Amino acid sequence: MDLQDKIAVITGGASGLGRATATTFLAAGAKVALLDLNEELAAKTAADLGDSASAFGADVTSADSVESAINAVMEEFGAIHVSVNCAGIGAAARTIGREGPLSLDAFNFVIQVNLVGTFNSLRLCAGHMEKNDPLGEDGERGVIINTASVAAYDGQIGQAAYSASKSGVVGMTLPIARDLARSNIRVCTIAPGIFETPMMMGMPDKVRQPLIEMVQFPHRLGEAPEYALLARQIVENPYLNGETIRLDGGIRMQPR
């Protein structure tokens, strides 16, 4: 799919991977709808990015909240062609810690944001995508890109909830691609390694350096524009479907 004049909905679009993706898509001629829990930051980001970007407050764990935001996107732009799901949290806690067993509410919250939140957004975007006029030789109507993590495969100590949530995103990629094949909508997932997100930038060297040591080449943390580049390549390559792509410099996570 050519991004020129297409409408992309990006959850978690106010910062980090979502903002980088918005910047890359805008450079390719797209218009972007930034959905974020932090509505104030989303509005500032949209203002920074220019007239082709708009901000919408949304809590991905709420059906009503996301539906309201998607309806507002449709009112403003009239269509949705691409859905990029970057909203997520990275909480860590051991199954049994100093205070006893991990709270079930804490575990469930991570699942709700990372897994259920991803499905919540993509299902609503897909509902509008299937009404698009078919594009190109293949009659494509939409592209969905989800965000998992290498923790889906190499979860570290304390990442039970996070790994479970991201494994769920990986696990639903192919079934959803199969579900949406009849609507000519493609679905792929990116599984990033350790990236220079705002959260990681604030970590001390004693946390950052062991992670860098696990990366094979290039021997550094990933950069948000590299995630955005892959997202653009997925949109533009019509034969990518049902696949999860690791974007991690060859990292294989150790237990800690």
Foldseek 3Di string as FASTA:
>chain_A
DQLAAAEEEEEVLLFFLNVLLCLVSVVSHHAYEYEYCPQVSQQVSQVVSDDSYYYAYAQLLDLVRLLVRVVVVCVVRVAHAEYEYDWADQFFDACQDPVGGDDPVVLVVRLSGQAVSLVSNVVSNLVRQLPAAFDDPQGARHEYEYEAACCCPAPAGRCPSNNVNRVNVLVCFQVVQVVCVVSRYAGEYEHEYAAPTVVVVPDDCVVQVVSLVQADPPSHHHYSNVSSVVVVVCVVDSPDHSYYHYHYNNGRDDND
